[in-house]
Amino acid sequence: MAGKTDTDPVEPLLEELIKEIMTSTGSGLKSASPHEDAITAALTEAATVSLSRTLAQASGFDRVLLVGALAPALADALAPALAKALVPEIITALSQITTVEQAPKQPVTTGNR
């Protein structure tokens, strides 16, 4: 199997990482027309394919460097969505903790008396 490496299972993950970064960087922008949306989508897809091909041909060290460079951008891109998804769960957990702490505490009795 020429050309196959031990990191082949990682390639789809890296491709998704690139797509997520490229699509999320412009997610807050409103385009003026559907035509501009189509152009943006086409350019994003072309850049993703190009980066994926380049990444597939890169050495393991180059991949590590690229992922290291892209990781902060991915974290910045995902942080708002992650925070939005986690806030309701955090509020629920904190409410439960507060409810347990406010419950009247029963004295502990032992069977020795």
C-alpha atoms as a PDB file:
ATOM      1  CA  MET A   1       0.000   0.000   0.000  1.00  0.00           C
ATOM      2  CA  ALA A   2       2.235   2.748  -1.251  1.00  0.00           C
ATOM      3  CA  GLY A   3       1.558   6.220   0.029  1.00  0.00           C
ATOM      4  CA  LYS A   4      -0.379   5.055   3.089  1.00  0.00           C
ATOM      5  CA  THR A   5       0.861   6.121   6.509  1.00  0.00           C
ATOM      6  CA  ASP A   6      -0.127   5.442  10.090  1.00  0.00           C
ATOM      7  CA  THR A   7      -1.852   8.842  10.247  1.00  0.00           C
ATOM      8  CA  ASP A   8      -4.397   8.144   7.492  1.00  0.00           C
ATOM      9  CA  PRO A   9      -7.309   7.982  10.007  1.00  0.00           C
ATOM     10  CA  VAL A  10      -6.364  11.498  11.075  1.00  0.00           C
ATOM     11  CA  GLU A  11      -6.796  12.982   7.596  1.00  0.00           C
ATOM     12  CA  PRO A  12     -10.616  13.176   7.709  1.00  0.00           C
ATOM     13  CA  LEU A  13     -10.373  14.876  11.095  1.00  0.00           C
ATOM     14  CA  LEU A  14      -7.908  17.414   9.761  1.00  0.00           C
ATOM     15  CA  GLU A  15     -10.107  18.011   6.733  1.00  0.00           C
ATOM     16  CA  GLU A  16     -13.090  18.673   9.012  1.00  0.00           C
ATOM     17  CA  LEU A  17     -10.916  20.964  11.140  1.00  0.00           C
ATOM     18  CA  ILE A  18      -9.990  23.009   8.081  1.00  0.00           C
ATOM     19  CA  LYS A  19     -13.621  23.170   6.919  1.00  0.00           C
ATOM     20  CA  GLU A  20     -14.825  24.265  10.360  1.00  0.00           C
ATOM     21  CA  ILE A  21     -12.246  27.019  10.617  1.00  0.00           C
ATOM     22  CA  MET A  22     -12.915  28.308   7.130  1.00  0.00           C
ATOM     23  CA  THR A  23     -16.696  28.285   7.475  1.00  0.00           C
ATOM     24  CA  SER A  24     -16.817  29.647  11.007  1.00  0.00           C
ATOM     25  CA  THR A  25     -14.561  32.623  10.365  1.00  0.00           C
ATOM     26  CA  GLY A  26     -17.187  34.224   8.151  1.00  0.00           C
ATOM     27  CA  SER A  27     -20.225  32.994  10.067  1.00  0.00           C
ATOM     28  CA  GLY A  28     -20.877  36.341  11.722  1.00  0.00           C
ATOM     29  CA  LEU A  29     -20.888  38.256   8.466  1.00  0.00           C
ATOM     30  CA  LYS A  30     -24.076  38.936   6.520  1.00  0.00           C
ATOM     31  CA  SER A  31     -23.660  38.913   2.768  1.00  0.00           C
ATOM     32  CA  ALA A  32     -25.519  41.279   0.538  1.00  0.00           C
ATOM     33  CA  SER A  33     -27.013  38.625  -1.741  1.00  0.00           C
ATOM     34  CA  PRO A  34     -27.476  34.903  -2.247  1.00  0.00           C
ATOM     35  CA  HIS A  35     -25.055  35.229  -5.162  1.00  0.00           C
ATOM     36  CA  GLU A  36     -22.322  36.322  -2.756  1.00  0.00           C
ATOM     37  CA  ASP A  37     -23.205  33.382  -0.495  1.00  0.00           C
ATOM     38  CA  ALA A  38     -22.715  31.003  -3.424  1.00  0.00           C
ATOM     39  CA  ILE A  39     -19.373  32.584  -4.309  1.00  0.00           C
ATOM     40  CA  THR A  40     -18.217  32.403  -0.696  1.00  0.00           C
ATOM     41  CA  ALA A  41     -19.260  28.746  -0.470  1.00  0.00           C
ATOM     42  CA  ALA A  42     -17.452  27.910  -3.722  1.00  0.00           C
ATOM     43  CA  LEU A  43     -14.268  29.678  -2.619  1.00  0.00           C
ATOM     44  CA  THR A  44     -14.394  27.974   0.772  1.00  0.00           C
ATOM     45  CA  GLU A  45     -14.832  24.575  -0.859  1.00  0.00           C
ATOM     46  CA  ALA A  46     -11.966  25.214  -3.300  1.00  0.00           C
ATOM     47  CA  ALA A  47      -9.656  26.327  -0.504  1.00  0.00           C
ATOM     48  CA  THR A  48     -10.642  23.320   1.612  1.00  0.00           C
ATOM     49  CA  VAL A  49      -9.905  20.886  -1.218  1.00  0.00           C
ATOM     50  CA  SER A  50      -6.577  22.582  -1.896  1.00  0.00           C
ATOM     51  CA  LEU A  51      -5.556  22.523   1.764  1.00  0.00           C
ATOM     52  CA  SER A  52      -6.663  18.911   2.127  1.00  0.00           C
ATOM     53  CA  ARG A  53      -4.545  17.829  -0.838  1.00  0.00           C
ATOM     54  CA  THR A  54      -1.567  19.733   0.496  1.00  0.00           C
ATOM     55  CA  LEU A  55      -2.074  18.223   3.917  1.00  0.00           C
ATOM     56  CA  ALA A  56      -2.331  14.707   2.483  1.00  0.00           C
ATOM     57  CA  GLN A  57       1.077  15.161   0.851  1.00  0.00           C
ATOM     58  CA  ALA A  58       2.704  16.715   3.917  1.00  0.00           C
ATOM     59  CA  SER A  59       5.050  14.896   6.255  1.00  0.00           C
ATOM     60  CA  GLY A  60       3.984  13.991   9.768  1.00  0.00           C
ATOM     61  CA  PHE A  61       5.999  16.872  11.185  1.00  0.00           C
ATOM     62  CA  ASP A  62       4.366  19.340   8.793  1.00  0.00           C
ATOM     63  CA  ARG A  63       0.945  18.053   9.820  1.00  0.00           C
ATOM     64  CA  VAL A  64       1.761  18.532  13.482  1.00  0.00           C
ATOM     65  CA  LEU A  65       2.892  22.092  12.790  1.00  0.00           C
ATOM     66  CA  LEU A  66      -0.248  22.846  10.780  1.00  0.00           C
ATOM     67  CA  VAL A  67      -2.553  21.404  13.414  1.00  0.00           C
ATOM     68  CA  GLY A  68      -0.663  23.339  16.092  1.00  0.00           C
ATOM     69  CA  ALA A  69      -1.177  26.530  14.125  1.00  0.00           C
ATOM     70  CA  LEU A  70      -4.852  25.830  13.420  1.00  0.00           C
ATOM     71  CA  ALA A  71      -5.796  24.682  16.926  1.00  0.00           C
ATOM     72  CA  PRO A  72      -6.081  28.204  18.411  1.00  0.00           C
ATOM     73  CA  ALA A  73      -8.213  29.337  15.463  1.00  0.00           C
ATOM     74  CA  LEU A  74     -10.465  26.319  15.888  1.00  0.00           C
ATOM     75  CA  ALA A  75     -10.769  26.988  19.605  1.00  0.00           C
ATOM     76  CA  ASP A  76     -11.741  30.598  18.908  1.00  0.00           C
ATOM     77  CA  ALA A  77     -14.235  29.483  16.270  1.00  0.00           C
ATOM     78  CA  LEU A  78     -15.853  26.843  18.456  1.00  0.00           C
ATOM     79  CA  ALA A  79     -15.858  28.759  21.748  1.00  0.00           C
ATOM     80  CA  PRO A  80     -19.101  30.714  21.150  1.00  0.00           C
ATOM     81  CA  ALA A  81     -21.042  27.640  20.033  1.00  0.00           C
ATOM     82  CA  LEU A  82     -19.645  25.555  22.857  1.00  0.00           C
ATOM     83  CA  ALA A  83     -20.467  28.226  25.417  1.00  0.00           C
ATOM     84  CA  LYS A  84     -23.990  28.565  24.028  1.00  0.00           C
ATOM     85  CA  ALA A  85     -24.510  24.813  24.283  1.00  0.00           C
ATOM     86  CA  LEU A  86     -23.041  24.503  27.770  1.00  0.00           C
ATOM     87  CA  VAL A  87     -24.674  27.491  29.493  1.00  0.00           C
ATOM     88  CA  PRO A  88     -28.079  25.814  30.015  1.00  0.00           C
ATOM     89  CA  GLU A  89     -26.420  22.694  31.422  1.00  0.00           C
ATOM     90  CA  ILE A  90     -24.212  24.722  33.750  1.00  0.00           C
ATOM     91  CA  ILE A  91     -27.204  26.734  34.981  1.00  0.00           C
ATOM     92  CA  THR A  92     -29.150  23.520  35.629  1.00  0.00           C
ATOM     93  CA  ALA A  93     -26.241  21.999  37.557  1.00  0.00           C
ATOM     94  CA  LEU A  94     -25.741  25.146  39.629  1.00  0.00           C
ATOM     95  CA  SER A  95     -29.473  25.308  40.380  1.00  0.00           C
ATOM     96  CA  GLN A  96     -29.424  21.738  41.640  1.00  0.00           C
ATOM     97  CA  ILE A  97     -26.406  22.430  43.832  1.00  0.00           C
ATOM     98  CA  THR A  98     -28.062  25.538  45.261  1.00  0.00           C
ATOM     99  CA  THR A  99     -31.303  23.631  45.919  1.00  0.00           C
ATOM    100  CA  VAL A 100     -29.435  20.887  47.776  1.00  0.00           C
ATOM    101  CA  GLU A 101     -27.545  23.431  49.890  1.00  0.00           C
ATOM    102  CA  GLN A 102     -30.750  25.312  50.793  1.00  0.00           C
ATOM    103  CA  ALA A 103     -32.655  22.185  51.835  1.00  0.00           C
ATOM    104  CA  PRO A 104     -33.185  21.975  55.610  1.00  0.00           C
ATOM    105  CA  LYS A 105     -30.608  19.726  57.156  1.00  0.00           C
ATOM    106  CA  GLN A 106     -31.916  16.897  59.326  1.00  0.00           C
ATOM    107  CA  PRO A 107     -29.951  16.087  62.465  1.00  0.00           C
ATOM    108  CA  VAL A 108     -28.170  12.796  62.220  1.00  0.00           C
ATOM    109  CA  THR A 109     -29.331  10.325  64.849  1.00  0.00           C
ATOM    110  CA  THR A 110     -27.486   7.237  65.885  1.00  0.00           C
ATOM    111  CA  GLY A 111     -28.930   4.039  67.321  1.00  0.00           C
ATOM    112  CA  ASN A 112     -26.702   4.189  70.478  1.00  0.00           C
ATOM    113  CA  ARG A 113     -29.131   6.221  72.641  1.00  0.00           C
END
